PDB file of N, CA and C in Angstrom:
ATOM      1  N   MET A   1       0.831  -1.191   0.000  1.00  0.00           N
ATOM      2  CA  MET A   1       0.000   0.000   0.000  1.00  0.00           C
ATOM      3  C   MET A   1       0.872   1.250   0.000  1.00  0.00           C
ATOM      4  N   SER A   2       0.339   2.267  -0.545  1.00  0.00           N
ATOM      5  CA  SER A   2       1.038   3.537  -0.632  1.00  0.00           C
ATOM      6  C   SER A   2       0.936   4.308   0.672  1.00  0.00           C
ATOM      7  N   GLY A   3       1.969   5.079   0.982  1.00  0.00           N
ATOM      8  CA  GLY A   3       1.951   5.909   2.177  1.00  0.00           C
ATOM      9  C   GLY A   3       0.982   7.074   2.050  1.00  0.00           C
ATOM     10  N   ASP A   4       0.570   7.388   0.803  1.00  0.00           N
ATOM     11  CA  ASP A   4      -0.354   8.495   0.585  1.00  0.00           C
ATOM     12  C   ASP A   4      -1.749   8.197   1.114  1.00  0.00           C
ATOM     13  N   THR A   5      -2.120   6.923   1.193  1.00  0.00           N
ATOM     14  CA  THR A   5      -3.466   6.573   1.639  1.00  0.00           C
ATOM     15  C   THR A   5      -3.580   6.543   3.159  1.00  0.00           C
ATOM     16  N   GLU A   6      -2.447   6.530   3.862  1.00  0.00           N
ATOM     17  CA  GLU A   6      -2.485   6.513   5.321  1.00  0.00           C
ATOM     18  C   GLU A   6      -2.806   7.910   5.841  1.00  0.00           C
ATOM     19  N   LYS A   7      -3.600   7.951   6.891  1.00  0.00           N
ATOM     20  CA  LYS A   7      -4.003   9.226   7.473  1.00  0.00           C
ATOM     21  C   LYS A   7      -2.973   9.673   8.511  1.00  0.00           C
ATOM     22  N   ASP A   8      -2.648  10.962   8.488  1.00  0.00           N
ATOM     23  CA  ASP A   8      -1.727  11.510   9.483  1.00  0.00           C
ATOM     24  C   ASP A   8      -2.375  11.491  10.855  1.00  0.00           C
ATOM     25  N   PRO A   9      -1.576  11.385  11.912  1.00  0.00           N
ATOM     26  CA  PRO A   9      -2.153  11.445  13.261  1.00  0.00           C
ATOM     27  C   PRO A   9      -2.753  12.832  13.507  1.00  0.00           C
ATOM     28  N   PRO A  10      -3.731  12.928  14.390  1.00  0.00           N
ATOM     29  CA  PRO A  10      -4.369  14.230  14.635  1.00  0.00           C
ATOM     30  C   PRO A  10      -3.397  15.229  15.250  1.00  0.00           C
ATOM     31  N   ARG A  11      -3.609  16.500  14.933  1.00  0.00           N
ATOM     32  CA  ARG A  11      -2.756  17.539  15.506  1.00  0.00           C
ATOM     33  C   ARG A  11      -3.076  17.756  16.978  1.00  0.00           C
ATOM     34  N   TYR A  12      -4.356  17.738  17.322  1.00  0.00           N
ATOM     35  CA  TYR A  12      -4.782  17.987  18.700  1.00  0.00           C
ATOM     36  C   TYR A  12      -5.265  16.687  19.326  1.00  0.00           C
ATOM     37  N   VAL A  13      -4.853  16.433  20.559  1.00  0.00           N
ATOM     38  CA  VAL A  13      -5.242  15.222  21.279  1.00  0.00           C
ATOM     39  C   VAL A  13      -5.639  15.591  22.702  1.00  0.00           C
ATOM     40  N   VAL A  14      -6.422  14.710  23.334  1.00  0.00           N
ATOM     41  CA  VAL A  14      -6.797  14.883  24.738  1.00  0.00           C
ATOM     42  C   VAL A  14      -5.927  13.945  25.562  1.00  0.00           C
ATOM     43  N   LEU A  15      -5.260  14.498  26.566  1.00  0.00           N
ATOM     44  CA  LEU A  15      -4.397  13.716  27.446  1.00  0.00           C
ATOM     45  C   LEU A  15      -4.869  13.842  28.884  1.00  0.00           C
ATOM     46  N   LYS A  16      -4.679  12.778  29.648  1.00  0.00           N
ATOM     47  CA  LYS A  16      -4.972  12.818  31.079  1.00  0.00           C
ATOM     48  C   LYS A  16      -3.952  11.954  31.789  1.00  0.00           C
ATOM     49  N   THR A  17      -3.264  12.528  32.749  1.00  0.00           N
ATOM     50  CA  THR A  17      -2.293  11.801  33.547  1.00  0.00           C
ATOM     51  C   THR A  17      -3.017  10.962  34.578  1.00  0.00           C
ATOM     52  N   SER A  18      -2.540   9.771  34.812  1.00  0.00           N
ATOM     53  CA  SER A  18      -3.142   8.886  35.807  1.00  0.00           C
ATOM     54  C   SER A  18      -3.166   9.576  37.166  1.00  0.00           C
ATOM     55  N   GLY A  19      -4.316   9.570  37.811  1.00  0.00           N
ATOM     56  CA  GLY A  19      -4.464  10.195  39.117  1.00  0.00           C
ATOM     57  C   GLY A  19      -4.773  11.679  39.068  1.00  0.00           C
ATOM     58  N   SER A  20      -4.750  12.269  37.888  1.00  0.00           N
ATOM     59  CA  SER A  20      -5.032  13.696  37.749  1.00  0.00           C
ATOM     60  C   SER A  20      -6.521  13.923  37.548  1.00  0.00           C
ATOM     61  N   ARG A  21      -6.991  15.069  37.983  1.00  0.00           N
ATOM     62  CA  ARG A  21      -8.392  15.412  37.757  1.00  0.00           C
ATOM     63  C   ARG A  21      -8.563  16.281  36.520  1.00  0.00           C
ATOM     64  N   TYR A  22      -7.498  16.500  35.771  1.00  0.00           N
ATOM     65  CA  TYR A  22      -7.547  17.384  34.612  1.00  0.00           C
ATOM     66  C   TYR A  22      -7.316  16.627  33.306  1.00  0.00           C
ATOM     67  N   ALA A  23      -8.053  17.034  32.289  1.00  0.00           N
ATOM     68  CA  ALA A  23      -7.832  16.570  30.920  1.00  0.00           C
ATOM     69  C   ALA A  23      -7.240  17.757  30.158  1.00  0.00           C
ATOM     70  N   TYR A  24      -6.215  17.501  29.389  1.00  0.00           N
ATOM     71  CA  TYR A  24      -5.517  18.550  28.659  1.00  0.00           C
ATOM     72  C   TYR A  24      -5.720  18.372  27.161  1.00  0.00           C
ATOM     73  N   VAL A  25      -6.086  19.461  26.474  1.00  0.00           N
ATOM     74  CA  VAL A  25      -6.112  19.460  25.016  1.00  0.00           C
ATOM     75  C   VAL A  25      -4.715  19.912  24.597  1.00  0.00           C
ATOM     76  N   GLN A  26      -3.999  19.021  23.924  1.00  0.00           N
ATOM     77  CA  GLN A  26      -2.591  19.233  23.616  1.00  0.00           C
ATOM     78  C   GLN A  26      -2.383  19.407  22.119  1.00  0.00           C
ATOM     79  N   ASP A  27      -1.588  20.422  21.735  1.00  0.00           N
ATOM     80  CA  ASP A  27      -1.187  20.628  20.345  1.00  0.00           C
ATOM     81  C   ASP A  27       0.086  19.811  20.119  1.00  0.00           C
ATOM     82  N   THR A  28      -0.001  18.766  19.297  1.00  0.00           N
ATOM     83  CA  THR A  28       1.143  17.874  19.112  1.00  0.00           C
ATOM     84  C   THR A  28       2.228  18.475  18.221  1.00  0.00           C
ATOM     85  N   HIS A  29       1.900  19.478  17.430  1.00  0.00           N
ATOM     86  CA  HIS A  29       2.909  20.108  16.573  1.00  0.00           C
ATOM     87  C   HIS A  29       3.754  21.092  17.365  1.00  0.00           C
ATOM     88  N   GLU A  30       3.104  21.888  18.200  1.00  0.00           N
ATOM     89  CA  GLU A  30       3.818  22.889  18.993  1.00  0.00           C
ATOM     90  C   GLU A  30       4.195  22.377  20.377  1.00  0.00           C
ATOM     91  N   ARG A  31       3.713  21.187  20.717  1.00  0.00           N
ATOM     92  CA  ARG A  31       3.980  20.561  22.016  1.00  0.00           C
ATOM     93  C   ARG A  31       3.634  21.489  23.178  1.00  0.00           C
ATOM     94  N   ARG A  32       2.395  21.963  23.132  1.00  0.00           N
ATOM     95  CA  ARG A  32       1.916  22.846  24.202  1.00  0.00           C
ATOM     96  C   ARG A  32       0.473  22.512  24.531  1.00  0.00           C
ATOM     97  N   THR A  33       0.072  22.888  25.737  1.00  0.00           N
ATOM     98  CA  THR A  33      -1.305  22.695  26.172  1.00  0.00           C
ATOM     99  C   THR A  33      -2.154  23.849  25.665  1.00  0.00           C
ATOM    100  N   VAL A  34      -3.266  23.520  25.033  1.00  0.00           N
ATOM    101  CA  VAL A  34      -4.201  24.531  24.550  1.00  0.00           C
ATOM    102  C   VAL A  34      -5.155  24.912  25.682  1.00  0.00           C
ATOM    103  N   THR A  35      -5.748  23.907  26.333  1.00  0.00           N
ATOM    104  CA  THR A  35      -6.719  24.132  27.410  1.00  0.00           C
ATOM    105  C   THR A  35      -6.618  23.009  28.429  1.00  0.00           C
ATOM    106  N   ARG A  36      -6.858  23.345  29.695  1.00  0.00           N
ATOM    107  CA  ARG A  36      -6.940  22.346  30.757  1.00  0.00           C
ATOM    108  C   ARG A  36      -8.375  22.323  31.257  1.00  0.00           C
ATOM    109  N   TRP A  37      -8.986  21.133  31.291  1.00  0.00           N
ATOM    110  CA  TRP A  37     -10.368  20.967  31.736  1.00  0.00           C
ATOM    111  C   TRP A  37     -10.407  20.143  33.011  1.00  0.00           C
ATOM    112  N   ASP A  38     -11.176  20.594  33.991  1.00  0.00           N
ATOM    113  CA  ASP A  38     -11.411  19.828  35.213  1.00  0.00           C
ATOM    114  C   ASP A  38     -12.478  18.789  34.894  1.00  0.00           C
ATOM    115  N   ILE A  39     -12.129  17.512  34.940  1.00  0.00           N
ATOM    116  CA  ILE A  39     -13.064  16.468  34.503  1.00  0.00           C
ATOM    117  C   ILE A  39     -14.189  16.225  35.498  1.00  0.00           C
ATOM    118  N   PHE A  40     -14.063  16.749  36.713  1.00  0.00           N
ATOM    119  CA  PHE A  40     -15.107  16.557  37.718  1.00  0.00           C
ATOM    120  C   PHE A  40     -16.122  17.694  37.752  1.00  0.00           C
ATOM    121  N   ARG A  41     -15.931  18.718  36.946  1.00  0.00           N
ATOM    122  CA  ARG A  41     -16.842  19.865  36.955  1.00  0.00           C
ATOM    123  C   ARG A  41     -17.429  20.093  35.570  1.00  0.00           C
ATOM    124  N   LYS A  42     -18.736  20.209  35.526  1.00  0.00           N
ATOM    125  CA  LYS A  42     -19.464  20.599  34.307  1.00  0.00           C
ATOM    126  C   LYS A  42     -19.071  19.774  33.084  1.00  0.00           C
ATOM    127  N   ASN A  43     -18.954  18.456  33.259  1.00  0.00           N
ATOM    128  CA  ASN A  43     -18.699  17.560  32.131  1.00  0.00           C
ATOM    129  C   ASN A  43     -17.411  17.911  31.384  1.00  0.00           C
ATOM    130  N   GLY A  44     -16.346  18.131  32.118  1.00  0.00           N
ATOM    131  CA  GLY A  44     -15.075  18.568  31.544  1.00  0.00           C
ATOM    132  C   GLY A  44     -14.469  17.618  30.533  1.00  0.00           C
ATOM    133  N   TRP A  45     -14.614  16.307  30.763  1.00  0.00           N
ATOM    134  CA  TRP A  45     -14.032  15.335  29.832  1.00  0.00           C
ATOM    135  C   TRP A  45     -14.679  15.456  28.453  1.00  0.00           C
ATOM    136  N   SER A  46     -16.005  15.553  28.408  1.00  0.00           N
ATOM    137  CA  SER A  46     -16.715  15.699  27.128  1.00  0.00           C
ATOM    138  C   SER A  46     -16.361  17.013  26.449  1.00  0.00           C
ATOM    139  N   LYS A  47     -16.220  18.067  27.241  1.00  0.00           N
ATOM    140  CA  LYS A  47     -15.856  19.364  26.668  1.00  0.00           C
ATOM    141  C   LYS A  47     -14.455  19.319  26.066  1.00  0.00           C
ATOM    142  N   ALA A  48     -13.531  18.637  26.725  1.00  0.00           N
ATOM    143  CA  ALA A  48     -12.171  18.508  26.197  1.00  0.00           C
ATOM    144  C   ALA A  48     -12.184  17.753  24.873  1.00  0.00           C
ATOM    145  N   GLU A  49     -12.933  16.660  24.806  1.00  0.00           N
ATOM    146  CA  GLU A  49     -13.006  15.881  23.567  1.00  0.00           C
ATOM    147  C   GLU A  49     -13.680  16.666  22.447  1.00  0.00           C
ATOM    148  N   LEU A  50     -14.715  17.432  22.777  1.00  0.00           N
ATOM    149  CA  LEU A  50     -15.401  18.245  21.776  1.00  0.00           C
ATOM    150  C   LEU A  50     -14.477  19.342  21.246  1.00  0.00           C
ATOM    151  N   GLN A  51     -13.752  20.007  22.140  1.00  0.00           N
ATOM    152  CA  GLN A  51     -12.822  21.048  21.708  1.00  0.00           C
ATOM    153  C   GLN A  51     -11.734  20.448  20.814  1.00  0.00           C
ATOM    154  N   CYS A  52     -11.223  19.301  21.192  1.00  0.00           N
ATOM    155  CA  CYS A  52     -10.196  18.622  20.405  1.00  0.00           C
ATOM    156  C   CYS A  52     -10.718  18.304  19.001  1.00  0.00           C
ATOM    157  N   LYS A  53     -11.921  17.773  18.924  1.00  0.00           N
ATOM    158  CA  LYS A  53     -12.530  17.433  17.632  1.00  0.00           C
ATOM    159  C   LYS A  53     -12.677  18.678  16.761  1.00  0.00           C
ATOM    160  N   ARG A  54     -13.170  19.767  17.345  1.00  0.00           N
ATOM    161  CA  ARG A  54     -13.367  21.006  16.578  1.00  0.00           C
ATOM    162  C   ARG A  54     -12.042  21.594  16.097  1.00  0.00           C
ATOM    163  N   LEU A  55     -11.021  21.582  16.961  1.00  0.00           N
ATOM    164  CA  LEU A  55      -9.714  22.102  16.562  1.00  0.00           C
ATOM    165  C   LEU A  55      -9.124  21.281  15.420  1.00  0.00           C
ATOM    166  N   ASN A  56      -9.269  19.959  15.485  1.00  0.00           N
ATOM    167  CA  ASN A  56      -8.770  19.104  14.404  1.00  0.00           C
ATOM    168  C   ASN A  56      -9.523  19.351  13.108  1.00  0.00           C
ATOM    169  N   GLU A  57     -10.844  19.564  13.192  1.00  0.00           N
ATOM    170  CA  GLU A  57     -11.629  19.857  11.989  1.00  0.00           C
ATOM    171  C   GLU A  57     -11.200  21.185  11.373  1.00  0.00           C
ATOM    172  N   GLU A  58     -10.986  22.208  12.204  1.00  0.00           N
ATOM    173  CA  GLU A  58     -10.520  23.506  11.707  1.00  0.00           C
ATOM    174  C   GLU A  58      -9.151  23.372  11.054  1.00  0.00           C
ATOM    175  N   TYR A  59      -8.277  22.618  11.691  1.00  0.00           N
ATOM    176  CA  TYR A  59      -6.934  22.419  11.151  1.00  0.00           C
ATOM    177  C   TYR A  59      -6.990  21.714   9.794  1.00  0.00           C
ATOM    178  N   GLU A  60      -7.816  20.678   9.679  1.00  0.00           N
ATOM    179  CA  GLU A  60      -7.957  19.950   8.413  1.00  0.00           C
ATOM    180  C   GLU A  60      -8.506  20.857   7.314  1.00  0.00           C
ATOM    181  N   ARG A  61      -9.499  21.688   7.639  1.00  0.00           N
ATOM    182  CA  ARG A  61     -10.048  22.622   6.645  1.00  0.00           C
ATOM    183  C   ARG A  61      -8.973  23.592   6.190  1.00  0.00           C
ATOM    184  N   GLY A  62      -8.170  24.064   7.114  1.00  0.00           N
ATOM    185  CA  GLY A  62      -7.090  24.982   6.765  1.00  0.00           C
ATOM    186  C   GLY A  62      -6.044  24.339   5.875  1.00  0.00           C
ATOM    187  N   GLN A  63      -5.778  23.063   6.083  1.00  0.00           N
ATOM    188  CA  GLN A  63      -4.807  22.340   5.268  1.00  0.00           C
ATOM    189  C   GLN A  63      -5.314  22.146   3.845  1.00  0.00           C
ATOM    190  N   THR A  64      -6.592  21.862   3.686  1.00  0.00           N
ATOM    191  CA  THR A  64      -7.139  21.619   2.348  1.00  0.00           C
ATOM    192  C   THR A  64      -7.353  22.920   1.588  1.00  0.00           C
ATOM    193  N   ASN A  65      -7.638  24.015   2.297  1.00  0.00           N
ATOM    194  CA  ASN A  65      -7.871  25.299   1.634  1.00  0.00           C
ATOM    195  C   ASN A  65      -6.571  26.026   1.324  1.00  0.00           C
ATOM    196  N   GLY A  66      -5.563  25.816   2.139  1.00  0.00           N
ATOM    197  CA  GLY A  66      -4.331  26.574   2.005  1.00  0.00           C
ATOM    198  C   GLY A  66      -3.339  25.845   1.220  1.00  0.00           C
TER     199      GLY A  66
END
């Protein structure tokens, strides 16, 4: 198979350290934290995953348009 058909890993990911109450939306290209979410307050885990999904969608649109 060609390497062109393989999908690149996502730019933004959600990370959580074992024992931590925070989920981090991490930019894998710049190696920095975008947002820290408290997973025990106001559905923080879902919000982190939603933000990650939206950032990746925006990034993909920018790659195809630019």
